[in-house]
PDB file of all heavy atoms in Angstrom:
ATOM      1  N   SER A   1     -11.378 103.698  28.169  1.00  0.00           N
ATOM      2  CA  SER A   1     -11.335 102.705  27.152  1.00  0.00           C
ATOM      3  C   SER A   1     -10.575 103.335  26.020  1.00  0.00           C
ATOM      4  O   SER A   1     -10.011 104.418  26.054  1.00  0.00           O
ATOM      5  CB  SER A   1     -12.688 102.260  26.672  1.00  0.00           C
ATOM      6  OG  SER A   1     -12.577 101.119  25.933  1.00  0.00           O
ATOM      7  N   SER A   2     -10.366 102.576  24.880  1.00  0.00           N
ATOM      8  CA  SER A   2      -9.511 102.945  23.851  1.00  0.00           C
ATOM      9  C   SER A   2      -9.933 102.252  22.535  1.00  0.00           C
ATOM     10  O   SER A   2     -10.745 101.321  22.468  1.00  0.00           O
ATOM     11  CB  SER A   2      -8.084 102.623  24.098  1.00  0.00           C
ATOM     12  OG  SER A   2      -7.846 101.236  23.949  1.00  0.00           O
ATOM     13  N   HIS A   3      -9.374 102.796  21.457  1.00  0.00           N
ATOM     14  CA  HIS A   3      -9.602 102.150  20.094  1.00  0.00           C
ATOM     15  C   HIS A   3      -9.198 100.646  20.090  1.00  0.00           C
ATOM     16  O   HIS A   3      -9.747  99.881  19.286  1.00  0.00           O
ATOM     17  CB  HIS A   3      -8.767 102.907  19.063  1.00  0.00           C
ATOM     18  CG  HIS A   3      -9.346 104.048  18.498  1.00  0.00           C
ATOM     19  ND1 HIS A   3      -8.686 104.936  17.654  1.00  0.00           N
ATOM     20  CD2 HIS A   3     -10.522 104.654  18.688  1.00  0.00           C
ATOM     21  CE1 HIS A   3      -9.476 105.948  17.261  1.00  0.00           C
ATOM     22  NE2 HIS A   3     -10.596 105.799  17.829  1.00  0.00           N
ATOM     23  N   TYR A   4      -8.215 100.290  20.782  1.00  0.00           N
ATOM     24  CA  TYR A   4      -7.659  99.006  20.745  1.00  0.00           C
ATOM     25  C   TYR A   4      -8.742  97.887  21.143  1.00  0.00           C
ATOM     26  O   TYR A   4      -8.428  96.752  20.746  1.00  0.00           O
ATOM     27  CB  TYR A   4      -6.457  98.805  21.623  1.00  0.00           C
ATOM     28  CG  TYR A   4      -5.263  99.621  21.132  1.00  0.00           C
ATOM     29  CD1 TYR A   4      -4.961 100.916  21.614  1.00  0.00           C
ATOM     30  CD2 TYR A   4      -4.464  99.089  20.161  1.00  0.00           C
ATOM     31  CE1 TYR A   4      -3.962 101.554  21.112  1.00  0.00           C
ATOM     32  CE2 TYR A   4      -3.288  99.786  19.729  1.00  0.00           C
ATOM     33  CZ  TYR A   4      -3.075 101.054  20.155  1.00  0.00           C
ATOM     34  OH  TYR A   4      -2.004 101.735  19.728  1.00  0.00           O
ATOM     35  N   ARG A   5      -9.839  98.264  21.673  1.00  0.00           N
ATOM     36  CA  ARG A   5     -10.853  97.282  22.009  1.00  0.00           C
ATOM     37  C   ARG A   5     -11.970  97.160  20.975  1.00  0.00           C
ATOM     38  O   ARG A   5     -12.898  96.349  21.174  1.00  0.00           O
ATOM     39  CB  ARG A   5     -11.461  97.642  23.387  1.00  0.00           C
ATOM     40  CG  ARG A   5     -10.371  97.602  24.540  1.00  0.00           C
ATOM     41  CD  ARG A   5     -11.019  97.499  25.926  1.00  0.00           C
ATOM     42  NE  ARG A   5      -9.984  97.016  26.808  1.00  0.00           N
ATOM     43  CZ  ARG A   5     -10.204  96.675  28.122  1.00  0.00           C
ATOM     44  NH1 ARG A   5     -11.399  96.762  28.534  1.00  0.00           N
ATOM     45  NH2 ARG A   5      -9.250  96.313  28.833  1.00  0.00           N
ATOM     46  N   ILE A   6     -11.902  98.014  19.910  1.00  0.00           N
ATOM     47  CA  ILE A   6     -12.947  98.005  18.900  1.00  0.00           C
ATOM     48  C   ILE A   6     -12.835  96.717  18.047  1.00  0.00           C
ATOM     49  O   ILE A   6     -13.852  96.037  17.738  1.00  0.00           O
ATOM     50  CB  ILE A   6     -12.945  99.268  18.076  1.00  0.00           C
ATOM     51  CG1 ILE A   6     -13.278 100.476  18.927  1.00  0.00           C
ATOM     52  CG2 ILE A   6     -13.890  99.153  16.871  1.00  0.00           C
ATOM     53  CD1 ILE A   6     -13.231 101.758  18.262  1.00  0.00           C
ATOM     54  N   PHE A   7     -11.579  96.402  17.566  1.00  0.00           N
ATOM     55  CA  PHE A   7     -11.491  95.292  16.615  1.00  0.00           C
ATOM     56  C   PHE A   7     -11.962  94.052  17.230  1.00  0.00           C
ATOM     57  O   PHE A   7     -12.782  93.206  16.627  1.00  0.00           O
ATOM     58  CB  PHE A   7     -10.111  95.185  16.156  1.00  0.00           C
ATOM     59  CG  PHE A   7      -9.822  94.337  14.923  1.00  0.00           C
ATOM     60  CD1 PHE A   7      -9.889  94.907  13.738  1.00  0.00           C
ATOM     61  CD2 PHE A   7      -9.539  92.961  15.071  1.00  0.00           C
ATOM     62  CE1 PHE A   7      -9.620  94.016  12.537  1.00  0.00           C
ATOM     63  CE2 PHE A   7      -9.307  92.184  13.964  1.00  0.00           C
ATOM     64  CZ  PHE A   7      -9.369  92.726  12.665  1.00  0.00           C
ATOM     65  N   PRO A   8     -11.555  93.647  18.452  1.00  0.00           N
ATOM     66  CA  PRO A   8     -12.108  92.393  19.044  1.00  0.00           C
ATOM     67  C   PRO A   8     -13.512  92.471  19.329  1.00  0.00           C
ATOM     68  O   PRO A   8     -14.246  91.388  19.202  1.00  0.00           O
ATOM     69  CB  PRO A   8     -11.372  92.360  20.391  1.00  0.00           C
ATOM     70  CG  PRO A   8     -10.144  93.191  20.269  1.00  0.00           C
ATOM     71  CD  PRO A   8     -10.535  94.295  19.300  1.00  0.00           C
ATOM     72  N   THR A   9     -14.171  93.650  19.570  1.00  0.00           N
ATOM     73  CA  THR A   9     -15.586  93.696  19.764  1.00  0.00           C
ATOM     74  C   THR A   9     -16.333  93.390  18.480  1.00  0.00           C
ATOM     75  O   THR A   9     -17.320  92.638  18.399  1.00  0.00           O
ATOM     76  CB  THR A   9     -15.944  95.098  20.114  1.00  0.00           C
ATOM     77  OG1 THR A   9     -15.259  95.432  21.386  1.00  0.00           O
ATOM     78  CG2 THR A   9     -17.412  95.322  20.330  1.00  0.00           C
ATOM     79  N   LEU A  10     -15.745  93.885  17.302  1.00  0.00           N
ATOM     80  CA  LEU A  10     -16.447  93.632  16.009  1.00  0.00           C
ATOM     81  C   LEU A  10     -16.301  92.075  15.679  1.00  0.00           C
ATOM     82  O   LEU A  10     -17.316  91.449  15.180  1.00  0.00           O
ATOM     83  CB  LEU A  10     -15.755  94.431  14.947  1.00  0.00           C
ATOM     84  CG  LEU A  10     -15.865  95.989  15.076  1.00  0.00           C
ATOM     85  CD1 LEU A  10     -15.059  96.710  13.994  1.00  0.00           C
ATOM     86  CD2 LEU A  10     -17.368  96.444  15.117  1.00  0.00           C
ATOM     87  N   LEU A  11     -15.169  91.470  15.921  1.00  0.00           N
ATOM     88  CA  LEU A  11     -15.054  90.068  15.585  1.00  0.00           C
ATOM     89  C   LEU A  11     -15.972  89.228  16.405  1.00  0.00           C
ATOM     90  O   LEU A  11     -16.553  88.279  15.894  1.00  0.00           O
ATOM     91  CB  LEU A  11     -13.571  89.662  15.759  1.00  0.00           C
ATOM     92  CG  LEU A  11     -12.447  90.193  14.839  1.00  0.00           C
ATOM     93  CD1 LEU A  11     -11.159  89.428  14.989  1.00  0.00           C
ATOM     94  CD2 LEU A  11     -12.939  90.268  13.389  1.00  0.00           C
ATOM     95  N   ALA A  12     -16.102  89.534  17.694  1.00  0.00           N
ATOM     96  CA  ALA A  12     -17.048  88.842  18.502  1.00  0.00           C
ATOM     97  C   ALA A  12     -18.486  88.967  18.064  1.00  0.00           C
ATOM     98  O   ALA A  12     -19.224  88.037  18.026  1.00  0.00           O
ATOM     99  CB  ALA A  12     -16.868  89.242  20.031  1.00  0.00           C
ATOM    100  N   ALA A  13     -18.759  90.161  17.569  1.00  0.00           N
ATOM    101  CA  ALA A  13     -20.189  90.429  17.131  1.00  0.00           C
ATOM    102  C   ALA A  13     -20.443  89.596  15.865  1.00  0.00           C
ATOM    103  O   ALA A  13     -21.544  89.261  15.562  1.00  0.00           O
ATOM    104  CB  ALA A  13     -20.377  91.958  16.813  1.00  0.00           C
ATOM    105  N   MET A  14     -19.370  89.410  15.036  1.00  0.00           N
ATOM    106  CA  MET A  14     -19.562  88.619  13.837  1.00  0.00           C
ATOM    107  C   MET A  14     -19.748  86.987  14.108  1.00  0.00           C
ATOM    108  O   MET A  14     -20.041  86.292  13.143  1.00  0.00           O
ATOM    109  CB  MET A  14     -18.367  88.790  12.931  1.00  0.00           C
ATOM    110  CG  MET A  14     -18.205  90.126  12.332  1.00  0.00           C
ATOM    111  SD  MET A  14     -16.709  90.385  11.409  1.00  0.00           S
ATOM    112  CE  MET A  14     -16.659  92.120  11.019  1.00  0.00           C
ATOM    113  N   GLY A  15     -19.461  86.642  15.344  1.00  0.00           N
ATOM    114  CA  GLY A  15     -19.674  85.219  15.695  1.00  0.00           C
ATOM    115  C   GLY A  15     -18.390  84.464  15.949  1.00  0.00           C
ATOM    116  O   GLY A  15     -18.424  83.298  16.206  1.00  0.00           O
ATOM    117  N   TYR A  16     -17.149  85.228  15.919  1.00  0.00           N
ATOM    118  CA  TYR A  16     -15.951  84.500  16.200  1.00  0.00           C
ATOM    119  C   TYR A  16     -15.814  84.244  17.750  1.00  0.00           C
ATOM    120  O   TYR A  16     -16.375  85.097  18.492  1.00  0.00           O
ATOM    121  CB  TYR A  16     -14.805  85.451  15.650  1.00  0.00           C
ATOM    122  CG  TYR A  16     -14.629  85.438  14.207  1.00  0.00           C
ATOM    123  CD1 TYR A  16     -15.235  86.375  13.499  1.00  0.00           C
ATOM    124  CD2 TYR A  16     -13.984  84.418  13.577  1.00  0.00           C
ATOM    125  CE1 TYR A  16     -15.096  86.477  12.067  1.00  0.00           C
ATOM    126  CE2 TYR A  16     -13.978  84.468  12.053  1.00  0.00           C
ATOM    127  CZ  TYR A  16     -14.454  85.513  11.475  1.00  0.00           C
ATOM    128  OH  TYR A  16     -14.388  85.544  10.099  1.00  0.00           O
ATOM    129  N   ASP A  17     -15.164  83.164  18.078  1.00  0.00           N
ATOM    130  CA  ASP A  17     -15.151  82.827  19.401  1.00  0.00           C
ATOM    131  C   ASP A  17     -14.394  83.892  20.216  1.00  0.00           C
ATOM    132  O   ASP A  17     -13.190  84.229  19.964  1.00  0.00           O
ATOM    133  CB  ASP A  17     -14.278  81.444  19.572  1.00  0.00           C
ATOM    134  CG  ASP A  17     -14.068  81.006  21.035  1.00  0.00           C
ATOM    135  OD1 ASP A  17     -14.743  81.574  21.909  1.00  0.00           O
ATOM    136  OD2 ASP A  17     -13.330  80.097  21.182  1.00  0.00           O
ATOM    137  N   PRO A  18     -14.993  84.473  21.277  1.00  0.00           N
ATOM    138  CA  PRO A  18     -14.436  85.586  22.047  1.00  0.00           C
ATOM    139  C   PRO A  18     -13.164  85.215  22.699  1.00  0.00           C
ATOM    140  O   PRO A  18     -12.120  85.981  22.765  1.00  0.00           O
ATOM    141  CB  PRO A  18     -15.460  85.879  23.112  1.00  0.00           C
ATOM    142  CG  PRO A  18     -16.783  85.354  22.490  1.00  0.00           C
ATOM    143  CD  PRO A  18     -16.350  84.206  21.661  1.00  0.00           C
ATOM    144  N   ARG A  19     -12.934  83.946  23.090  1.00  0.00           N
ATOM    145  CA  ARG A  19     -11.661  83.536  23.687  1.00  0.00           C
ATOM    146  C   ARG A  19     -10.519  83.449  22.602  1.00  0.00           C
ATOM    147  O   ARG A  19      -9.479  83.955  22.921  1.00  0.00           O
ATOM    148  CB  ARG A  19     -11.800  82.136  24.347  1.00  0.00           C
ATOM    149  CG  ARG A  19     -12.625  82.159  25.615  1.00  0.00           C
ATOM    150  CD  ARG A  19     -12.911  80.753  26.063  1.00  0.00           C
ATOM    151  NE  ARG A  19     -13.677  79.953  25.129  1.00  0.00           N
ATOM    152  CZ  ARG A  19     -14.034  78.759  25.265  1.00  0.00           C
ATOM    153  NH1 ARG A  19     -13.802  78.085  26.372  1.00  0.00           N
ATOM    154  NH2 ARG A  19     -14.737  78.143  24.360  1.00  0.00           N
ATOM    155  N   ALA A  20     -10.825  83.026  21.517  1.00  0.00           N
ATOM    156  CA  ALA A  20      -9.793  83.007  20.359  1.00  0.00           C
ATOM    157  C   ALA A  20      -9.464  84.343  19.967  1.00  0.00           C
ATOM    158  O   ALA A  20      -8.360  84.790  19.645  1.00  0.00           O
ATOM    159  CB  ALA A  20     -10.284  82.144  19.159  1.00  0.00           C
ATOM    160  N   VAL A  21     -10.512  85.261  19.912  1.00  0.00           N
ATOM    161  CA  VAL A  21     -10.280  86.590  19.542  1.00  0.00           C
ATOM    162  C   VAL A  21      -9.426  87.372  20.614  1.00  0.00           C
ATOM    163  O   VAL A  21      -8.497  88.048  20.281  1.00  0.00           O
ATOM    164  CB  VAL A  21     -11.694  87.347  19.366  1.00  0.00           C
ATOM    165  CG1 VAL A  21     -11.386  88.866  19.170  1.00  0.00           C
ATOM    166  CG2 VAL A  21     -12.388  86.821  18.125  1.00  0.00           C
ATOM    167  N   ARG A  22      -9.744  87.160  21.865  1.00  0.00           N
ATOM    168  CA  ARG A  22      -9.030  87.728  22.972  1.00  0.00           C
ATOM    169  C   ARG A  22      -7.594  87.337  22.960  1.00  0.00           C
ATOM    170  O   ARG A  22      -6.684  88.097  23.180  1.00  0.00           O
ATOM    171  CB  ARG A  22      -9.589  87.477  24.267  1.00  0.00           C
ATOM    172  CG  ARG A  22      -9.079  88.162  25.385  1.00  0.00           C
ATOM    173  CD  ARG A  22     -10.023  88.116  26.690  1.00  0.00           C
ATOM    174  NE  ARG A  22     -10.482  86.798  26.985  1.00  0.00           N
ATOM    175  CZ  ARG A  22     -11.628  86.262  26.836  1.00  0.00           C
ATOM    176  NH1 ARG A  22     -12.650  87.103  26.394  1.00  0.00           N
ATOM    177  NH2 ARG A  22     -11.948  85.055  27.146  1.00  0.00           N
ATOM    178  N   ALA A  23      -7.271  86.082  22.671  1.00  0.00           N
ATOM    179  CA  ALA A  23      -5.938  85.532  22.656  1.00  0.00           C
ATOM    180  C   ALA A  23      -5.067  86.186  21.525  1.00  0.00           C
ATOM    181  O   ALA A  23      -3.912  86.395  21.622  1.00  0.00           O
ATOM    182  CB  ALA A  23      -5.920  84.072  22.466  1.00  0.00           C
ATOM    183  N   ARG A  24      -5.814  86.607  20.416  1.00  0.00           N
ATOM    184  CA  ARG A  24      -4.992  87.174  19.259  1.00  0.00           C
ATOM    185  C   ARG A  24      -5.024  88.684  19.339  1.00  0.00           C
ATOM    186  O   ARG A  24      -4.035  89.276  18.886  1.00  0.00           O
ATOM    187  CB  ARG A  24      -5.592  86.585  18.039  1.00  0.00           C
ATOM    188  CG  ARG A  24      -4.894  86.958  16.793  1.00  0.00           C
ATOM    189  CD  ARG A  24      -5.239  86.097  15.583  1.00  0.00           C
ATOM    190  NE  ARG A  24      -4.975  84.695  15.836  1.00  0.00           N
ATOM    191  CZ  ARG A  24      -5.119  83.674  14.862  1.00  0.00           C
ATOM    192  NH1 ARG A  24      -5.520  84.134  13.686  1.00  0.00           N
ATOM    193  NH2 ARG A  24      -4.822  82.519  15.153  1.00  0.00           N
ATOM    194  N   TYR A  25      -6.194  89.299  19.719  1.00  0.00           N
ATOM    195  CA  TYR A  25      -6.313  90.803  19.557  1.00  0.00           C
ATOM    196  C   TYR A  25      -6.611  91.481  20.855  1.00  0.00           C
ATOM    197  O   TYR A  25      -6.762  92.710  20.839  1.00  0.00           O
ATOM    198  CB  TYR A  25      -7.404  91.027  18.537  1.00  0.00           C
ATOM    199  CG  TYR A  25      -7.192  90.574  17.179  1.00  0.00           C
ATOM    200  CD1 TYR A  25      -7.781  89.435  16.624  1.00  0.00           C
ATOM    201  CD2 TYR A  25      -6.297  91.267  16.365  1.00  0.00           C
ATOM    202  CE1 TYR A  25      -7.490  89.059  15.316  1.00  0.00           C
ATOM    203  CE2 TYR A  25      -6.035  90.846  15.063  1.00  0.00           C
ATOM    204  CZ  TYR A  25      -6.637  89.756  14.597  1.00  0.00           C
ATOM    205  OH  TYR A  25      -6.254  89.308  13.232  1.00  0.00           O
ATOM    206  N   GLY A  26      -6.709  90.865  22.003  1.00  0.00           N
ATOM    207  CA  GLY A  26      -6.875  91.499  23.219  1.00  0.00           C
ATOM    208  C   GLY A  26      -8.323  91.571  23.600  1.00  0.00           C
ATOM    209  O   GLY A  26      -9.240  91.037  23.010  1.00  0.00           O
ATOM    210  N   GLU A  27      -8.538  92.463  24.662  1.00  0.00           N
ATOM    211  CA  GLU A  27      -9.975  92.517  25.259  1.00  0.00           C
ATOM    212  C   GLU A  27     -10.859  93.386  24.334  1.00  0.00           C
ATOM    213  O   GLU A  27     -10.405  94.312  23.532  1.00  0.00           O
ATOM    214  CB  GLU A  27      -9.809  93.243  26.633  1.00  0.00           C
ATOM    215  CG  GLU A  27      -8.917  92.537  27.607  1.00  0.00           C
ATOM    216  CD  GLU A  27      -9.598  91.269  28.049  1.00  0.00           C
ATOM    217  OE1 GLU A  27     -10.736  91.039  27.906  1.00  0.00           O
ATOM    218  OE2 GLU A  27      -8.782  90.401  28.624  1.00  0.00           O
ATOM    219  N   GLY A  28     -12.192  93.048  24.493  1.00  0.00           N
ATOM    220  CA  GLY A  28     -13.258  93.853  23.796  1.00  0.00           C
ATOM    221  C   GLY A  28     -13.718  94.913  24.725  1.00  0.00           C
ATOM    222  O   GLY A  28     -13.466  94.997  25.842  1.00  0.00           O
ATOM    223  N   LEU A  29     -14.705  95.633  24.220  1.00  0.00           N
ATOM    224  CA  LEU A  29     -15.283  96.863  24.935  1.00  0.00           C
ATOM    225  C   LEU A  29     -16.117  96.248  26.066  1.00  0.00           C
ATOM    226  O   LEU A  29     -16.388  97.126  27.036  1.00  0.00           O
ATOM    227  CB  LEU A  29     -16.162  97.714  24.034  1.00  0.00           C
ATOM    228  CG  LEU A  29     -15.294  98.592  23.077  1.00  0.00           C
ATOM    229  CD1 LEU A  29     -16.321  99.162  21.962  1.00  0.00           C
ATOM    230  CD2 LEU A  29     -14.611  99.622  23.719  1.00  0.00           C
TER     231      LEU A  29
END
């Protein structure tokens, strides 16, 4: 894995739609 998956993970944890997050920032952890 890598750092690049941390930001999407944090946004999803905050309640943002995982699909919208993934489209903009990539995959989560």
